[in-house]
Protein backbone atom coordinates (compact mmCIF):
# COMPACT_ATOMS: atom_id res chain seq x y z
CA UNK A 1 -74.55 160.13 14.55
CA UNK A 2 -74.37 160.79 18.26
CA UNK A 3 -76.40 158.98 20.97
CA UNK A 4 -79.35 161.14 21.96
CA UNK A 5 -80.83 158.81 24.45
CA UNK A 6 -80.86 160.21 28.13
CA UNK A 7 -78.47 158.61 30.42
CA UNK A 8 -79.79 157.15 33.63
CA UNK A 9 -78.89 159.23 36.62
CA UNK A 10 -77.25 157.47 39.47
CA UNK A 11 -77.86 158.12 43.17
CA UNK A 12 -74.58 157.58 45.17
CA UNK A 13 -76.09 159.07 48.31
CA UNK A 14 -78.92 156.39 48.28
CA UNK A 15 -76.29 153.53 47.75
CA UNK A 16 -74.09 154.97 50.48
CA UNK A 17 -77.18 155.11 53.06
CA UNK A 18 -78.20 151.56 52.08
CA UNK A 19 -74.65 150.40 52.66
CA UNK A 20 -74.64 151.95 56.06
CA UNK A 21 -77.95 150.55 57.09
CA UNK A 22 -77.11 146.94 55.84
CA UNK A 23 -73.83 146.97 57.59
CA UNK A 24 -75.40 148.00 60.74
CA UNK A 25 -77.99 145.27 60.50
CA UNK A 26 -75.35 142.67 59.87
CA UNK A 27 -73.46 143.69 63.03
CA UNK A 28 -76.53 143.59 65.10
CA UNK A 29 -77.59 140.16 63.80
CA UNK A 30 -74.01 138.96 64.68
CA UNK A 31 -74.29 140.28 68.19
CA UNK A 32 -77.61 138.49 68.70
CA UNK A 33 -76.26 135.03 68.09
CA UNK A 34 -77.14 132.45 70.78
CA UNK A 35 -74.74 132.01 73.64
CA UNK A 36 -74.68 130.52 77.02
CA UNK A 37 -72.19 131.37 79.89
CA UNK A 38 -70.07 133.29 77.64
CA UNK A 39 -69.69 130.22 75.24
CA UNK A 40 -70.97 130.41 71.69
CA UNK A 41 -73.93 127.93 71.25
CA UNK A 42 -75.34 129.13 68.06
CA UNK A 43 -74.82 131.53 64.95
CA UNK A 44 -76.70 133.63 62.43
CA UNK A 45 -75.46 133.05 58.95
CA UNK A 46 -76.37 135.89 56.47
CA UNK A 47 -74.97 137.55 53.43
CA UNK A 48 -76.27 140.87 54.33
CA UNK A 49 -72.58 142.05 55.43
CA UNK A 50 -71.23 141.13 51.99
CA UNK A 51 -74.01 143.04 50.34
CA UNK A 52 -73.12 146.12 52.48
CA UNK A 53 -69.57 145.77 51.40
CA UNK A 54 -70.48 145.63 47.64
CA UNK A 55 -73.00 148.61 47.87
CA UNK A 56 -70.59 150.60 49.90
CA UNK A 57 -67.72 150.18 47.47
CA UNK A 58 -70.06 151.11 44.55
CA UNK A 59 -71.25 154.21 46.55
CA UNK A 60 -67.59 155.25 46.93
CA UNK A 61 -66.79 154.79 43.15
CA UNK A 62 -69.91 156.65 42.15
CA UNK A 63 -69.17 159.59 44.29
CA UNK A 64 -65.32 159.74 43.53
CA UNK A 65 -65.44 163.28 42.53
CA UNK A 66 -68.63 164.24 44.42
CA UNK A 67 -69.69 164.56 48.05
CA UNK A 68 -67.15 163.65 50.90
CA UNK A 69 -70.08 162.71 53.07
CA UNK A 70 -71.32 160.21 50.53
CA UNK A 71 -68.00 158.42 50.38
CA UNK A 72 -67.78 158.44 54.03
CA UNK A 73 -71.04 156.78 54.47
CA UNK A 74 -70.26 154.23 51.71
CA UNK A 75 -66.96 153.46 53.36
CA UNK A 76 -68.67 153.17 56.82
CA UNK A 77 -71.16 150.71 55.50
CA UNK A 78 -68.52 148.68 53.86
CA UNK A 79 -66.58 148.59 57.08
CA UNK A 80 -69.57 147.47 59.12
CA UNK A 81 -70.45 144.97 56.73
CA UNK A 82 -66.97 143.61 57.01
CA UNK A 83 -67.20 143.65 60.80
CA UNK A 84 -70.70 141.84 60.76
CA UNK A 85 -69.36 139.11 58.30
CA UNK A 86 -66.15 138.42 60.39
CA UNK A 87 -68.35 138.18 63.49
CA UNK A 88 -70.79 135.67 61.88
CA UNK A 89 -67.79 133.67 60.53
CA UNK A 90 -66.24 133.58 64.09
CA UNK A 91 -69.52 132.40 65.52
CA UNK A 92 -69.72 129.54 62.98
CA UNK A 93 -66.23 128.53 63.77
CA UNK A 94 -66.85 128.65 67.52
CA UNK A 95 -69.91 126.31 67.15
CA UNK A 96 -68.12 123.99 64.84
CA UNK A 97 -65.38 123.51 67.59
CA UNK A 98 -67.61 122.77 70.54
CA UNK A 99 -67.90 119.03 69.73
CA UNK A 100 -64.23 118.79 69.80
CA UNK A 101 -64.04 120.30 73.37
CA UNK A 102 -62.81 123.83 72.33
CA UNK A 103 -64.92 126.54 73.71
CA UNK A 104 -64.09 129.93 72.19
CA UNK A 105 -65.51 132.95 73.96
CA UNK A 106 -68.69 134.32 72.67
CA UNK A 107 -68.80 137.40 70.71
CA UNK A 108 -72.45 137.90 71.02
CA UNK A 109 -73.93 140.19 73.67
CA UNK A 110 -75.09 138.47 77.01
CA UNK A 111 -78.63 139.13 76.42
CA UNK A 112 -80.92 137.27 78.82
CA UNK A 113 -82.53 134.42 76.93
CA UNK A 114 -80.73 134.91 73.72
CA UNK A 115 -79.67 131.27 73.82
CA UNK A 116 -83.30 130.19 73.25
CA UNK A 117 -84.71 133.07 71.15
CA UNK A 118 -85.27 130.78 68.24
CA UNK A 119 -87.47 128.33 70.25
CA UNK A 120 -91.18 127.71 69.05
CA UNK A 121 -94.09 129.61 70.57
CA UNK A 122 -95.45 126.11 71.65
CA UNK A 123 -92.39 125.46 73.87
CA UNK A 124 -92.97 129.02 75.42
CA UNK A 125 -96.54 128.36 76.27
CA UNK A 126 -95.77 124.81 77.75
CA UNK A 127 -93.14 126.54 79.96
CA UNK A 128 -95.66 129.26 80.99
CA UNK A 129 -98.50 127.11 81.96
CA UNK A 130 -97.16 125.58 85.00
CA UNK A 131 -96.07 129.00 86.40
CA UNK A 132 -99.72 130.17 86.09
CA UNK A 133 -101.00 127.04 88.03
CA UNK A 134 -98.33 127.59 90.58
CA UNK A 135 -99.67 131.18 91.02
CA UNK A 136 -103.17 129.88 91.52
CA UNK A 137 -102.06 127.17 93.97
CA UNK A 138 -99.84 129.39 95.99
CA UNK A 139 -102.42 130.90 98.18
CA UNK A 140 -103.91 127.67 99.10
CA UNK A 141 -100.29 126.21 99.80
CA UNK A 142 -99.61 129.23 102.10
CA UNK A 143 -102.75 128.75 104.01
CA UNK A 144 -102.00 125.07 104.46
CA UNK A 145 -98.55 125.94 105.63
CA UNK A 146 -99.97 128.41 108.27
CA UNK A 147 -102.45 125.83 109.54
CA UNK A 148 -99.64 123.28 109.70
CA UNK A 149 -97.32 125.66 111.65
CA UNK A 150 -100.20 126.71 114.02
CA UNK A 151 -100.88 122.95 114.91
CA UNK A 152 -97.13 122.35 115.22
CA UNK A 153 -96.85 125.21 117.63
CA UNK A 154 -99.77 124.31 119.73
CA UNK A 155 -98.87 122.23 122.80
CA UNK A 156 -100.23 118.68 122.81
CA UNK A 157 -102.77 118.26 125.60
CA UNK A 158 -100.77 116.75 128.53
CA UNK A 159 -101.76 114.63 131.61
CA UNK A 160 -103.36 116.77 134.25
CA UNK A 161 -102.28 116.44 137.93
CA UNK A 162 -104.23 114.05 140.19
CA UNK A 163 -107.17 115.71 141.81
CA UNK A 164 -106.41 115.44 145.60
CA UNK A 165 -107.32 118.84 146.85
CA UNK A 166 -108.95 122.13 145.99
CA UNK A 167 -105.56 123.37 144.99
CA UNK A 168 -104.71 120.51 142.70
CA UNK A 169 -108.18 120.84 141.02
CA UNK A 170 -107.76 124.61 140.54
CA UNK A 171 -104.29 123.99 138.96
CA UNK A 172 -105.76 121.33 136.69
CA UNK A 173 -108.66 123.57 135.51
CA UNK A 174 -106.23 126.48 134.90
CA UNK A 175 -104.05 124.39 132.85
CA UNK A 176 -107.04 122.92 130.75
CA UNK A 177 -108.55 126.36 130.05
CA UNK A 178 -105.24 128.06 129.44
CA UNK A 179 -104.34 125.29 126.81
CA UNK A 180 -107.78 125.69 125.25
CA UNK A 181 -107.33 129.38 124.91
CA UNK A 182 -103.99 129.06 123.41
CA UNK A 183 -105.02 126.55 120.82
CA UNK A 184 -108.09 128.52 119.88
CA UNK A 185 -105.96 131.61 119.29
CA UNK A 186 -103.54 129.54 117.18
CA UNK A 187 -106.14 128.00 115.19
CA UNK A 188 -108.69 130.75 114.50
CA UNK A 189 -106.91 133.97 115.47
CA UNK A 190 -109.60 136.64 115.67
CA UNK A 191 -112.30 134.42 114.42
CA UNK A 192 -114.75 133.19 113.23
CA UNK A 193 -114.63 130.62 116.04
CA UNK A 194 -116.44 127.40 116.04
CA UNK A 195 -120.22 127.51 117.22
CA UNK A 196 -119.87 124.27 119.05
CA UNK A 197 -117.32 122.25 121.23
CA UNK A 198 -117.71 118.57 122.14
CA UNK A 199 -116.91 117.32 125.71
CA UNK A 200 -115.73 113.91 125.98
CA UNK A 201 -116.59 112.35 129.33
CA UNK A 202 -114.76 108.98 128.78
CA UNK A 203 -111.73 107.97 130.71
CA UNK A 204 -109.60 110.48 128.74
CA UNK A 205 -111.95 113.57 129.28
CA UNK A 206 -111.25 116.25 126.90
CA UNK A 207 -112.78 119.13 124.99
CA UNK A 208 -112.73 118.43 121.23
CA UNK A 209 -113.85 119.94 117.98
CA UNK A 210 -116.73 118.45 116.06
CA UNK A 211 -114.53 116.62 113.65
CA UNK A 212 -112.88 114.97 116.81
CA UNK A 213 -109.63 116.99 117.01
CA UNK A 214 -108.72 117.26 120.64
CA UNK A 215 -108.27 120.63 121.87
CA UNK A 216 -107.42 120.21 125.56
CA UNK A 217 -107.76 117.69 128.52
CA UNK A 218 -109.92 118.23 131.38
CA UNK A 219 -110.28 116.67 134.95
CA UNK A 220 -112.72 113.68 134.85
CA UNK A 221 -116.16 114.62 135.90
CA UNK A 222 -115.60 118.30 134.95
CA UNK A 223 -118.67 120.20 133.40
CA UNK A 224 -117.99 122.67 130.53
CA UNK A 225 -120.05 125.72 129.43
CA UNK A 226 -118.97 127.11 126.11
CA UNK A 227 -120.47 130.16 124.24
CA UNK A 228 -119.80 132.18 121.28
CA UNK A 229 -120.98 135.59 119.98
CA UNK A 230 -123.41 135.81 117.22
CA UNK A 231 -120.84 137.09 114.85
CA UNK A 232 -118.37 134.48 115.92
CA UNK A 233 -115.55 136.89 116.74
CA UNK A 234 -115.52 136.32 120.54
CA UNK A 235 -116.01 133.20 122.73
CA UNK A 236 -115.89 132.16 126.44
CA UNK A 237 -115.70 129.12 128.33
CA UNK A 238 -116.21 128.05 131.94
CA UNK A 239 -115.16 124.71 133.43
CA UNK A 240 -116.61 123.49 136.70
CA UNK A 241 -114.41 120.83 138.63
CA UNK A 242 -116.24 117.66 139.51
CA UNK A 243 -114.50 116.96 142.94
CA UNK A 244 -114.29 120.32 144.78
CA UNK A 245 -116.38 122.67 142.63
CA UNK A 246 -113.66 125.07 141.72
CA UNK A 247 -114.10 127.01 138.54
CA UNK A 248 -111.83 128.29 135.70
CA UNK A 249 -113.27 131.00 133.29
CA UNK A 250 -111.76 132.59 130.09
CA UNK A 251 -113.25 135.30 127.92
CA UNK A 252 -111.41 135.98 124.66
CA UNK A 253 -112.32 139.70 125.04
CA UNK A 254 -110.54 139.92 128.26
CA UNK A 255 -107.76 137.43 127.44
CA UNK A 256 -107.03 136.09 131.00
CA UNK A 257 -107.99 132.91 132.75
CA UNK A 258 -109.97 133.66 135.90
CA UNK A 259 -110.01 130.99 138.67
CA UNK A 260 -112.47 130.70 141.37
């Protein structure tokens, strides 16, 4: 009596396509193995390449008298699986020889960061957090650097010439007002300017900020008249000499020192 049970149909095309996909994936995994400076530092171990070889050979056997395309796909999948398996084995050998001081060239692609792609997400967050803080602190640091540079560029108040005549008093007032104008421009740019300046009438007469910072020296006995616009975008100062009554005036809207 003959067997009347239906035979199961085989699908060689499906096997061939599966072999091609598995072989391609094995090669991609091998090329993504960790490496640093073209030296293998890690490997990816998988049997997917061997599976591609088995499935590919099976597809070729099933399609022995069938489609040539199916046989080509099966052979291609087997070849890719063999290549992927060989690359993985090479990576394992290269990593094994590193402790012995033998550095074999990496077979994986030099993708940025592929030597740390298996690090935990916690490490990534810990590395990213300082960069965020740096970005927030950067504007403050930049402003502090600009302020320090402005103070370094500003000339220190020097000793004024002895007041012995109208000419020497005029020179001293010109120096004082010119220095004040320069420092104010370096510190405050186009404003806002301070609403009040302090005149120190001690032996070291000077014009200062409210916090005590010295802006410029002035001749002993000189009188100072300082004013600022309501919006604090412009200022002017007039210094009257205490010996011969000469004056020096500066207006930030004009930008020149006028002596009288």
